[in-house]
Amino acid sequence: MTATLTFLGATPRSMTPAMTQLTAEGKRAFVPSRFHLCPTSDDSRKLNGVAGPGVIIAGSGMATGGRILHHLRHRLPDEASAAAALRAAIEQHLGWRCAVAADCQQIDL
């Protein structure tokens, strides 16, 4: 993710003048102001203090346990929250089970 963010901020030839100005000011045109990159468990835990809806993006297999499963447990009881899984998820992992389940709520979180 960091490499992608660096890439998006490092292509001046494809930027409009407004985007070039944002980049010069140290701002990222493609990154929302509420974006939180969480490379560590501590960073991830801090997301629990963020109010309102959110989007958690994780790699294949990450929903099997640990931080992502914790975020699902924490956020999904809120009716304003939702979970999405790509069908390319690894077979038998939680993301895969959600993608093929008739009702994802049946999955034991």
Protein backbone atom coordinates (compact mmCIF):
# COMPACT_ATOMS: atom_id res chain seq x y z
CA MET A 1 0.00 0.00 0.00
CA THR A 2 2.79 2.41 0.84
CA ALA A 3 4.37 1.80 -2.57
CA THR A 4 1.04 2.54 -4.25
CA LEU A 5 0.58 5.77 -2.31
CA THR A 6 4.13 6.81 -3.12
CA PHE A 7 3.53 6.05 -6.80
CA LEU A 8 0.30 8.05 -6.89
CA GLY A 9 2.10 11.04 -5.45
CA ALA A 10 5.13 10.75 -7.72
CA THR A 11 3.79 11.08 -11.26
CA PRO A 12 3.98 14.83 -11.98
CA ARG A 13 3.76 14.47 -15.77
CA SER A 14 0.21 13.12 -15.45
CA MET A 15 -0.95 15.66 -12.87
CA THR A 16 -3.13 18.69 -13.44
CA PRO A 17 -1.77 22.00 -12.13
CA ALA A 18 -4.09 21.71 -9.10
CA MET A 19 -2.77 18.23 -8.30
CA THR A 20 0.81 19.42 -8.75
CA GLN A 21 0.11 22.19 -6.22
CA LEU A 22 -1.41 19.73 -3.71
CA THR A 23 1.62 17.48 -4.04
CA ALA A 24 3.98 20.44 -3.56
CA GLU A 25 2.10 21.21 -0.32
CA GLY A 26 2.65 17.64 0.87
CA LYS A 27 -0.98 16.62 0.34
CA ARG A 28 -2.14 13.47 -1.45
CA ALA A 29 -4.84 14.09 -4.03
CA PHE A 30 -6.01 10.46 -4.08
CA VAL A 31 -6.01 9.82 -0.34
CA PRO A 32 -9.05 10.88 1.71
CA SER A 33 -8.39 13.03 4.77
CA ARG A 34 -9.65 10.25 7.06
CA PHE A 35 -7.36 7.62 5.51
CA HIS A 36 -5.35 5.63 8.06
CA LEU A 37 -2.54 3.33 6.93
CA CYS A 38 -2.03 0.73 9.67
CA PRO A 39 1.24 -1.16 9.25
CA THR A 40 1.39 -2.22 12.92
CA SER A 41 -1.02 -3.82 15.38
CA ASP A 42 -0.92 -0.65 17.49
CA ASP A 43 -1.94 1.47 14.50
CA SER A 44 -4.77 -0.95 13.78
CA ARG A 45 -6.05 -0.86 17.39
CA LYS A 46 -6.34 2.93 17.15
CA LEU A 47 -9.03 2.47 14.48
CA ASN A 48 -11.45 1.46 17.24
CA GLY A 49 -11.44 5.09 18.38
CA VAL A 50 -12.43 6.39 14.94
CA ALA A 51 -16.13 7.24 14.88
CA GLY A 52 -18.43 6.74 11.93
CA PRO A 53 -18.39 4.38 8.98
CA GLY A 54 -15.16 3.07 7.55
CA VAL A 55 -13.61 0.80 4.99
CA ILE A 56 -11.11 -1.84 6.06
CA ILE A 57 -8.99 -3.20 3.21
CA ALA A 58 -6.85 -6.28 3.76
CA GLY A 59 -5.01 -8.86 1.71
CA SER A 60 -6.20 -12.37 1.04
CA GLY A 61 -6.25 -14.54 4.15
CA MET A 62 -6.15 -11.58 6.54
CA ALA A 63 -9.75 -12.14 7.71
CA THR A 64 -8.88 -15.56 9.10
CA GLY A 65 -7.84 -14.11 12.44
CA GLY A 66 -6.04 -11.30 14.14
CA ARG A 67 -6.60 -7.64 13.38
CA ILE A 68 -9.08 -7.91 10.52
CA LEU A 69 -11.31 -10.38 12.36
CA HIS A 70 -11.17 -8.01 15.35
CA HIS A 71 -12.36 -5.12 13.14
CA LEU A 72 -15.20 -7.24 11.77
CA ARG A 73 -16.32 -8.09 15.31
CA HIS A 74 -16.07 -4.44 16.34
CA ARG A 75 -17.80 -2.86 13.33
CA LEU A 76 -20.37 -5.33 11.97
CA PRO A 77 -22.86 -5.13 14.87
CA ASP A 78 -23.48 -1.53 13.71
CA GLU A 79 -26.24 -1.63 11.08
CA ALA A 80 -24.48 1.17 9.18
CA SER A 81 -21.50 -1.13 8.62
CA ALA A 82 -21.06 -3.77 5.96
CA ALA A 83 -18.44 -6.25 4.84
CA ALA A 84 -17.42 -7.10 1.30
CA ALA A 85 -15.23 -9.96 0.11
CA LEU A 86 -13.65 -10.56 -3.25
CA ARG A 87 -14.36 -13.89 -4.89
CA ALA A 88 -10.65 -14.21 -5.46
CA ALA A 89 -10.23 -14.88 -1.73
CA ILE A 90 -8.35 -18.02 -0.71
CA GLU A 91 -10.62 -21.06 -0.49
CA GLN A 92 -11.87 -21.89 3.02
CA HIS A 93 -10.69 -18.57 4.51
CA LEU A 94 -13.28 -16.22 6.00
CA GLY A 95 -13.34 -13.90 2.97
CA TRP A 96 -14.02 -16.88 0.70
CA ARG A 97 -16.73 -18.24 3.01
CA CYS A 98 -18.45 -14.83 3.00
CA ALA A 99 -18.23 -14.62 -0.78
CA VAL A 100 -19.91 -18.02 -1.31
CA ALA A 101 -22.32 -18.01 1.65
CA ALA A 102 -26.01 -17.39 1.05
CA ASP A 103 -26.04 -15.24 4.18
CA CYS A 104 -22.70 -13.98 5.47
CA GLN A 105 -24.24 -13.44 8.91
CA GLN A 106 -24.09 -17.21 9.42
CA ILE A 107 -20.31 -17.07 9.68
CA ASP A 108 -19.13 -17.34 13.27
CA LEU A 109 -17.16 -14.19 14.02
